[in-house]
C-alpha atoms as a PDB file:
ATOM      1  CA  MET A   1      -3.007  17.828  -5.474  1.00  0.00           C
ATOM      2  CA  LEU A   2      -3.965  16.548  -2.026  1.00  0.00           C
ATOM      3  CA  VAL A   3      -4.764  12.833  -2.293  1.00  0.00           C
ATOM      4  CA  ALA A   4      -5.255  11.864   1.347  1.00  0.00           C
ATOM      5  CA  ALA A   5      -5.038  13.509   4.754  1.00  0.00           C
ATOM      6  CA  LEU A   6      -5.602  12.949   8.450  1.00  0.00           C
ATOM      7  CA  HIS A   7      -6.263  15.919  10.720  1.00  0.00           C
ATOM      8  CA  ALA A   8      -6.065  15.691  14.526  1.00  0.00           C
ATOM      9  CA  VAL A   9      -7.049  12.024  14.370  1.00  0.00           C
ATOM     10  CA  GLU A  10      -7.409   9.766  17.395  1.00  0.00           C
ATOM     11  CA  PHE A  11      -8.061   6.042  17.112  1.00  0.00           C
ATOM     12  CA  GLY A  12      -7.510   2.876  19.110  1.00  0.00           C
ATOM     13  CA  TYR A  13      -8.650  -0.646  19.782  1.00  0.00           C
ATOM     14  CA  HIS A  14     -10.967  -1.411  22.691  1.00  0.00           C
ATOM     15  CA  ASP A  15     -10.487   1.480  25.146  1.00  0.00           C
ATOM     16  CA  LEU A  16      -6.808   2.167  24.493  1.00  0.00           C
ATOM     17  CA  PRO A  17      -5.754   4.724  21.852  1.00  0.00           C
ATOM     18  CA  CYS A  18      -2.896   3.752  19.549  1.00  0.00           C
ATOM     19  CA  LEU A  19      -2.921   6.998  17.597  1.00  0.00           C
ATOM     20  CA  GLN A  20      -3.593  10.472  18.986  1.00  0.00           C
ATOM     21  CA  ASP A  21      -3.682  13.982  17.508  1.00  0.00           C
ATOM     22  CA  ALA A  22      -2.184  12.736  14.218  1.00  0.00           C
ATOM     23  CA  SER A  23      -2.132  14.924  11.120  1.00  0.00           C
ATOM     24  CA  VAL A  24      -0.717  13.669   7.810  1.00  0.00           C
ATOM     25  CA  GLU A  25      -0.983  14.894   4.215  1.00  0.00           C
ATOM     26  CA  ILE A  26      -0.183  12.860   1.093  1.00  0.00           C
ATOM     27  CA  GLN A  27       0.232  14.731  -2.198  1.00  0.00           C
ATOM     28  CA  SER A  28      -0.153  13.217  -5.655  1.00  0.00           C
ATOM     29  CA  GLY A  29       3.016  11.936  -7.302  1.00  0.00           C
ATOM     30  CA  GLU A  30       4.846  11.193  -4.045  1.00  0.00           C
ATOM     31  CA  PHE A  31       6.667   8.057  -2.958  1.00  0.00           C
ATOM     32  CA  VAL A  32       6.162   8.045   0.815  1.00  0.00           C
ATOM     33  CA  VAL A  33       7.234   5.476   3.367  1.00  0.00           C
ATOM     34  CA  VAL A  34       5.767   4.926   6.816  1.00  0.00           C
ATOM     35  CA  THR A  35       8.278   3.254   9.117  1.00  0.00           C
ATOM     36  CA  GLY A  36       8.799   2.547  12.788  1.00  0.00           C
ATOM     37  CA  PRO A  37       8.929  -0.247  15.385  1.00  0.00           C
ATOM     38  CA  ASN A  38       6.339  -2.976  15.735  1.00  0.00           C
ATOM     39  CA  GLY A  39       3.194  -1.713  17.458  1.00  0.00           C
ATOM     40  CA  ALA A  40       3.628   1.879  16.282  1.00  0.00           C
ATOM     41  CA  ALA A  41       0.244   2.049  14.467  1.00  0.00           C
ATOM     42  CA  LYS A  42       1.674   1.957  10.940  1.00  0.00           C
ATOM     43  CA  SER A  43      -0.958  -0.394   9.527  1.00  0.00           C
ATOM     44  CA  THR A  44      -3.660   1.484  11.421  1.00  0.00           C
ATOM     45  CA  LEU A  45      -2.517   4.729   9.828  1.00  0.00           C
ATOM     46  CA  LEU A  46      -3.046   3.227   6.361  1.00  0.00           C
ATOM     47  CA  LYS A  47      -6.464   1.833   7.249  1.00  0.00           C
ATOM     48  CA  LEU A  48      -7.596   5.210   8.557  1.00  0.00           C
ATOM     49  CA  MET A  49      -6.299   6.925   5.440  1.00  0.00           C
ATOM     50  CA  LEU A  50      -8.309   4.583   3.213  1.00  0.00           C
ATOM     51  CA  GLY A  51     -11.483   4.825   5.290  1.00  0.00           C
ATOM     52  CA  LEU A  52     -11.345   1.164   6.338  1.00  0.00           C
ATOM     53  CA  VAL A  53     -11.732   2.170   9.988  1.00  0.00           C
ATOM     54  CA  GLU A  54     -13.391   5.285  11.412  1.00  0.00           C
ATOM     55  CA  PRO A  55     -11.434   7.636  13.700  1.00  0.00           C
ATOM     56  CA  TRP A  56     -12.613   8.278  17.228  1.00  0.00           C
ATOM     57  CA  LYS A  57     -11.838  11.953  16.787  1.00  0.00           C
ATOM     58  CA  GLY A  58     -10.588  14.213  13.995  1.00  0.00           C
ATOM     59  CA  SER A  59     -11.167  13.993  10.265  1.00  0.00           C
ATOM     60  CA  VAL A  60      -9.926  11.889   7.355  1.00  0.00           C
ATOM     61  CA  PHE A  61      -9.892  12.959   3.709  1.00  0.00           C
ATOM     62  CA  LEU A  62      -9.506  10.716   0.660  1.00  0.00           C
ATOM     63  CA  SER A  63      -9.913  12.518  -2.642  1.00  0.00           C
ATOM     64  CA  PRO A  64     -12.828  11.153  -4.699  1.00  0.00           C
ATOM     65  CA  LYS A  65     -11.146  12.282  -7.930  1.00  0.00           C
ATOM     66  CA  ASN A  66      -7.712  12.062  -9.533  1.00  0.00           C
ATOM     67  CA  GLU A  67      -5.928  14.932 -11.260  1.00  0.00           C
ATOM     68  CA  GLU A  68      -7.861  14.229 -14.477  1.00  0.00           C
ATOM     69  CA  GLY A  69     -11.185  14.589 -12.688  1.00  0.00           C
ATOM     70  CA  LYS A  70     -11.978  10.882 -12.902  1.00  0.00           C
ATOM     71  CA  SER A  71     -12.762   8.622  -9.949  1.00  0.00           C
ATOM     72  CA  LEU A  72      -9.675   7.974  -7.850  1.00  0.00           C
ATOM     73  CA  ARG A  73      -8.452   4.399  -8.288  1.00  0.00           C
ATOM     74  CA  VAL A  74      -6.861   2.878  -5.181  1.00  0.00           C
ATOM     75  CA  GLY A  75      -4.753  -0.275  -5.078  1.00  0.00           C
ATOM     76  CA  TYR A  76      -4.269  -1.675  -1.586  1.00  0.00           C
ATOM     77  CA  VAL A  77      -2.150  -4.649  -0.508  1.00  0.00           C
ATOM     78  CA  SER A  78      -2.589  -5.357   3.195  1.00  0.00           C
ATOM     79  CA  GLN A  79      -0.024  -7.009   5.433  1.00  0.00           C
ATOM     80  CA  GLN A  80      -1.954 -10.296   5.643  1.00  0.00           C
ATOM     81  CA  ILE A  81      -3.241 -10.567   2.080  1.00  0.00           C
ATOM     82  CA  ALA A  82      -0.528 -12.996   0.938  1.00  0.00           C
ATOM     83  CA  ALA A  83      -1.537 -15.486   3.634  1.00  0.00           C
ATOM     84  CA  PHE A  84      -4.871 -16.424   2.014  1.00  0.00           C
ATOM     85  CA  ASN A  85      -6.011 -20.042   1.874  1.00  0.00           C
ATOM     86  CA  SER A  86      -3.484 -22.338   0.215  1.00  0.00           C
ATOM     87  CA  GLY A  87      -6.414 -24.185  -1.369  1.00  0.00           C
ATOM     88  CA  PHE A  88      -7.502 -21.093  -3.331  1.00  0.00           C
ATOM     89  CA  PRO A  89      -8.504 -22.624  -6.704  1.00  0.00           C
ATOM     90  CA  SER A  90      -7.417 -19.816  -9.038  1.00  0.00           C
ATOM     91  CA  THR A  91      -4.336 -19.726 -11.228  1.00  0.00           C
ATOM     92  CA  ILE A  92      -1.938 -16.808 -10.927  1.00  0.00           C
ATOM     93  CA  LEU A  93      -3.153 -15.401 -14.243  1.00  0.00           C
ATOM     94  CA  GLU A  94      -6.821 -15.599 -13.258  1.00  0.00           C
ATOM     95  CA  PHE A  95      -6.166 -13.964  -9.909  1.00  0.00           C
ATOM     96  CA  VAL A  96      -4.270 -10.997 -11.348  1.00  0.00           C
ATOM     97  CA  ARG A  97      -6.752 -10.570 -14.241  1.00  0.00           C
ATOM     98  CA  SER A  98      -9.563 -10.298 -11.691  1.00  0.00           C
ATOM     99  CA  GLY A  99      -8.096  -6.965 -10.641  1.00  0.00           C
ATOM    100  CA  ARG A 100      -9.232  -5.529 -13.952  1.00  0.00           C
ATOM    101  CA  TYR A 101     -12.881  -5.824 -12.922  1.00  0.00           C
ATOM    102  CA  THR A 102     -12.372  -2.868 -10.599  1.00  0.00           C
ATOM    103  CA  SER A 103     -12.199  -0.710 -13.738  1.00  0.00           C
ATOM    104  CA  GLY A 104     -15.786  -1.528 -14.693  1.00  0.00           C
ATOM    105  CA  SER A 105     -18.718  -3.792 -14.101  1.00  0.00           C
ATOM    106  CA  TRP A 106     -18.196  -7.322 -12.841  1.00  0.00           C
ATOM    107  CA  LEU A 107     -20.474  -8.353 -15.714  1.00  0.00           C
ATOM    108  CA  ARG A 108     -18.324  -6.892 -18.450  1.00  0.00           C
ATOM    109  CA  LYS A 109     -16.151  -9.107 -20.652  1.00  0.00           C
ATOM    110  CA  LEU A 110     -12.413  -8.616 -20.270  1.00  0.00           C
ATOM    111  CA  ASN A 111     -10.705  -7.467 -23.447  1.00  0.00           C
ATOM    112  CA  ALA A 112      -7.267  -7.326 -25.045  1.00  0.00           C
ATOM    113  CA  GLU A 113      -6.303  -4.219 -23.057  1.00  0.00           C
ATOM    114  CA  ASP A 114      -7.121  -6.039 -19.824  1.00  0.00           C
ATOM    115  CA  ASP A 115      -4.930  -8.931 -20.969  1.00  0.00           C
ATOM    116  CA  ARG A 116      -2.077  -6.561 -21.819  1.00  0.00           C
ATOM    117  CA  LEU A 117      -2.180  -4.825 -18.450  1.00  0.00           C
ATOM    118  CA  THR A 118      -2.336  -8.172 -16.657  1.00  0.00           C
ATOM    119  CA  GLU A 119       0.707  -9.440 -18.529  1.00  0.00           C
ATOM    120  CA  THR A 120       2.613  -6.223 -17.876  1.00  0.00           C
ATOM    121  CA  ALA A 121       1.878  -6.391 -14.148  1.00  0.00           C
ATOM    122  CA  LEU A 122       2.972 -10.033 -13.913  1.00  0.00           C
ATOM    123  CA  ARG A 123       6.177  -9.337 -15.828  1.00  0.00           C
ATOM    124  CA  GLN A 124       6.938  -6.393 -13.550  1.00  0.00           C
ATOM    125  CA  VAL A 125       6.924  -8.661 -10.502  1.00  0.00           C
ATOM    126  CA  GLY A 126       8.689 -11.545 -12.260  1.00  0.00           C
ATOM    127  CA  MET A 127       5.735 -13.959 -12.235  1.00  0.00           C
ATOM    128  CA  TRP A 128       4.690 -14.112 -15.902  1.00  0.00           C
ATOM    129  CA  ASP A 129       6.519 -17.360 -16.668  1.00  0.00           C
ATOM    130  CA  VAL A 130       4.640 -19.212 -13.905  1.00  0.00           C
ATOM    131  CA  ARG A 131       1.249 -17.633 -14.608  1.00  0.00           C
ATOM    132  CA  LYS A 132      -0.500 -21.012 -15.054  1.00  0.00           C
ATOM    133  CA  ARG A 133       0.448 -22.310 -11.607  1.00  0.00           C
ATOM    134  CA  LYS A 134      -2.171 -22.562  -8.864  1.00  0.00           C
ATOM    135  CA  ILE A 135      -1.929 -20.012  -6.078  1.00  0.00           C
ATOM    136  CA  GLY A 136      -1.850 -22.796  -3.493  1.00  0.00           C
ATOM    137  CA  GLU A 137       1.508 -23.932  -4.884  1.00  0.00           C
ATOM    138  CA  LEU A 138       3.214 -20.607  -4.180  1.00  0.00           C
ATOM    139  CA  SER A 139       5.492 -19.537  -1.358  1.00  0.00           C
ATOM    140  CA  GLY A 140       4.565 -16.603   0.845  1.00  0.00           C
ATOM    141  CA  GLY A 141       6.900 -14.284  -1.065  1.00  0.00           C
ATOM    142  CA  GLN A 142       5.413 -15.355  -4.405  1.00  0.00           C
ATOM    143  CA  LYS A 143       1.885 -14.739  -3.119  1.00  0.00           C
ATOM    144  CA  GLN A 144       3.005 -11.278  -2.085  1.00  0.00           C
ATOM    145  CA  ARG A 145       4.248 -10.643  -5.616  1.00  0.00           C
ATOM    146  CA  ILE A 146       0.978 -11.630  -7.288  1.00  0.00           C
ATOM    147  CA  CYS A 147      -1.018  -9.493  -4.861  1.00  0.00           C
ATOM    148  CA  ILE A 148       1.166  -6.547  -5.873  1.00  0.00           C
ATOM    149  CA  ALA A 149       0.673  -7.475  -9.546  1.00  0.00           C
ATOM    150  CA  ARG A 150      -3.101  -7.498  -9.075  1.00  0.00           C
ATOM    151  CA  ALA A 151      -2.943  -4.025  -7.541  1.00  0.00           C
ATOM    152  CA  LEU A 152      -0.759  -2.754 -10.419  1.00  0.00           C
ATOM    153  CA  ALA A 153      -3.144  -4.238 -12.997  1.00  0.00           C
ATOM    154  CA  GLN A 154      -5.827  -1.917 -11.631  1.00  0.00           C
ATOM    155  CA  GLU A 155      -3.781   1.093 -12.843  1.00  0.00           C
ATOM    156  CA  PRO A 156      -4.173   2.794  -9.461  1.00  0.00           C
ATOM    157  CA  ASP A 157      -3.751   6.502  -8.877  1.00  0.00           C
ATOM    158  CA  LEU A 158      -2.921   5.718  -5.242  1.00  0.00           C
ATOM    159  CA  LEU A 159      -1.018   2.530  -4.383  1.00  0.00           C
ATOM    160  CA  VAL A 160      -0.988   1.659  -0.662  1.00  0.00           C
ATOM    161  CA  LEU A 161       1.253  -1.213   0.427  1.00  0.00           C
ATOM    162  CA  ASP A 162       1.684  -2.638   3.922  1.00  0.00           C
ATOM    163  CA  GLU A 163       5.132  -4.281   4.178  1.00  0.00           C
ATOM    164  CA  PRO A 164       5.080  -5.471   0.550  1.00  0.00           C
ATOM    165  CA  THR A 165       8.650  -6.808   0.532  1.00  0.00           C
ATOM    166  CA  THR A 166       7.977  -9.448   3.203  1.00  0.00           C
ATOM    167  CA  GLY A 167       9.483 -12.742   1.996  1.00  0.00           C
ATOM    168  CA  MET A 168      11.621 -11.124  -0.731  1.00  0.00           C
ATOM    169  CA  ASP A 169      15.399 -11.509  -0.854  1.00  0.00           C
ATOM    170  CA  GLN A 170      17.620  -8.438  -1.084  1.00  0.00           C
ATOM    171  CA  ASN A 171      17.876  -8.380  -4.881  1.00  0.00           C
ATOM    172  CA  SER A 172      14.106  -8.727  -5.216  1.00  0.00           C
ATOM    173  CA  ARG A 173      13.563  -5.891  -2.754  1.00  0.00           C
ATOM    174  CA  PHE A 174      15.789  -3.520  -4.712  1.00  0.00           C
ATOM    175  CA  GLU A 175      14.019  -4.479  -7.945  1.00  0.00           C
ATOM    176  CA  PHE A 176      10.737  -3.720  -6.213  1.00  0.00           C
ATOM    177  CA  TYR A 177      11.919  -0.281  -5.056  1.00  0.00           C
ATOM    178  CA  GLU A 178      12.981   0.484  -8.630  1.00  0.00           C
ATOM    179  CA  LEU A 179       9.541  -0.602  -9.834  1.00  0.00           C
ATOM    180  CA  MET A 180       7.758   1.670  -7.357  1.00  0.00           C
ATOM    181  CA  HIS A 181      10.058   4.564  -8.260  1.00  0.00           C
ATOM    182  CA  HIS A 182       9.145   3.960 -11.914  1.00  0.00           C
ATOM    183  CA  GLN A 183       5.421   3.953 -11.075  1.00  0.00           C
ATOM    184  CA  VAL A 184       5.773   7.359  -9.431  1.00  0.00           C
ATOM    185  CA  ARG A 185       8.098   9.049 -11.915  1.00  0.00           C
ATOM    186  CA  VAL A 186       6.764   7.634 -15.197  1.00  0.00           C
ATOM    187  CA  HIS A 187       3.103   6.917 -14.432  1.00  0.00           C
ATOM    188  CA  GLN A 188       2.622   9.766 -11.923  1.00  0.00           C
ATOM    189  CA  ARG A 189       1.182   7.410  -9.335  1.00  0.00           C
ATOM    190  CA  THR A 190       1.227   8.049  -5.596  1.00  0.00           C
ATOM    191  CA  VAL A 191       2.810   5.280  -3.519  1.00  0.00           C
ATOM    192  CA  VAL A 192       2.469   4.978   0.260  1.00  0.00           C
ATOM    193  CA  MET A 193       4.327   2.024   1.749  1.00  0.00           C
ATOM    194  CA  VAL A 194       4.981   0.619   5.223  1.00  0.00           C
ATOM    195  CA  THR A 195       8.443  -0.894   5.599  1.00  0.00           C
ATOM    196  CA  HIS A 196      11.119  -1.730   8.161  1.00  0.00           C
ATOM    197  CA  SER A 197      13.888  -1.565   5.512  1.00  0.00           C
ATOM    198  CA  LEU A 198      14.281   2.198   5.588  1.00  0.00           C
ATOM    199  CA  ALA A 199      17.996   2.307   4.742  1.00  0.00           C
ATOM    200  CA  GLU A 200      17.404   0.291   1.559  1.00  0.00           C
ATOM    201  CA  VAL A 201      14.481   2.273   0.197  1.00  0.00           C
ATOM    202  CA  ALA A 202      15.460   5.783   1.361  1.00  0.00           C
ATOM    203  CA  PRO A 203      17.265   6.792  -1.892  1.00  0.00           C
ATOM    204  CA  TYR A 204      14.044   6.299  -3.869  1.00  0.00           C
ATOM    205  CA  LEU A 205      11.738   8.317  -1.599  1.00  0.00           C
ATOM    206  CA  ASP A 206      10.220  11.757  -1.596  1.00  0.00           C
ATOM    207  CA  ARG A 207       9.262  11.635   2.064  1.00  0.00           C
ATOM    208  CA  ILE A 208       9.535   9.509   5.197  1.00  0.00           C
ATOM    209  CA  ILE A 209       6.962   9.355   7.975  1.00  0.00           C
ATOM    210  CA  GLU A 210       8.891   7.774  10.838  1.00  0.00           C
ATOM    211  CA  LEU A 211       7.352   6.696  14.132  1.00  0.00           C
ATOM    212  CA  GLU A 212       9.870   6.999  16.962  1.00  0.00           C
ATOM    213  CA  ARG A 213       9.650   6.228  20.661  1.00  0.00           C
ATOM    214  CA  LYS A 214       9.201   9.230  22.924  1.00  0.00           C
ATOM    215  CA  GLU A 215      10.951   9.638  26.274  1.00  0.00           C
ATOM    216  CA  ASP A 216       7.656   9.000  28.085  1.00  0.00           C
ATOM    217  CA  GLY A 217       7.255   5.637  26.316  1.00  0.00           C
ATOM    218  CA  GLY A 218       4.795   6.650  23.601  1.00  0.00           C
ATOM    219  CA  TRP A 219       5.439   7.310  19.925  1.00  0.00           C
ATOM    220  CA  LYS A 220       6.059  10.460  17.928  1.00  0.00           C
ATOM    221  CA  CYS A 221       5.783  11.003  14.192  1.00  0.00           C
ATOM    222  CA  CYS A 222       8.769  12.627  12.469  1.00  0.00           C
ATOM    223  CA  THR A 223       8.848  13.757   8.850  1.00  0.00           C
ATOM    224  CA  THR A 224      10.365  16.450   6.667  1.00  0.00           C
ATOM    225  CA  THR A 225       6.927  17.872   5.794  1.00  0.00           C
ATOM    226  CA  SER A 226       3.328  17.891   6.966  1.00  0.00           C
ATOM    227  CA  CYS A 227       2.930  15.216   9.614  1.00  0.00           C
ATOM    228  CA  SER A 228       2.398  15.765  13.306  1.00  0.00           C
ATOM    229  CA  GLY A 229       1.051  13.997  16.338  1.00  0.00           C
ATOM    230  CA  HIS A 230       2.129  11.244  18.658  1.00  0.00           C
ATOM    231  CA  PHE A 231       1.531   7.531  18.770  1.00  0.00           C
ATOM    232  CA  VAL A 232       1.236   5.226  21.758  1.00  0.00           C
ATOM    233  CA  LEU A 233       1.860   1.504  21.886  1.00  0.00           C
ATOM    234  CA  VAL A 234      -1.210  -0.749  21.959  1.00  0.00           C
ATOM    235  CA  GLY A 235      -1.510  -3.209  24.828  1.00  0.00           C
END
């Protein structure tokens, strides 16, 4: 099933395009990585895919339904999300539990199933034992973990992560790759992730979308399947 796609998309900031004639397809049940040098429009590609920014040209598709015919649930962890205010008053547990409200009305009362999924998500990222700590007490890497836990607690069909292993040591990164591989293979989720650590994560992947420098100084998109177009450096 086609989950998301870009077709002949062009987009940029101010008057300068950073992405031109780009076409990408993401199928359900894939673990896909977007990689490339700084400035190669990786984060922009994710934002376009999710409809967070509108393309100048071309079309973007994000499926409204999952394979069961229900509304597609999307979990998104942006590159800057772990840098939120250190004075944020919530505990870790409260923050991750709040992700469960995306499954229903903000007015509904959370139940035992919500608590179970919250605990599972926190255990998966190794933060259950410190669940009562305030977010302001956490390191950048720990904040990244709880943002990932909040996304997992939503039970997403599509999980989109922009450099999620920032601040993690090598062992933690490999544990994270195993976790994402488990989400895809066992829970049939689709994972799209931006990373610079391609050699580490490659054994777990179904596909790589790699942005490489062209001879004329721009960027090209290389993949084993349906991705085409070229990218140019902003600024």
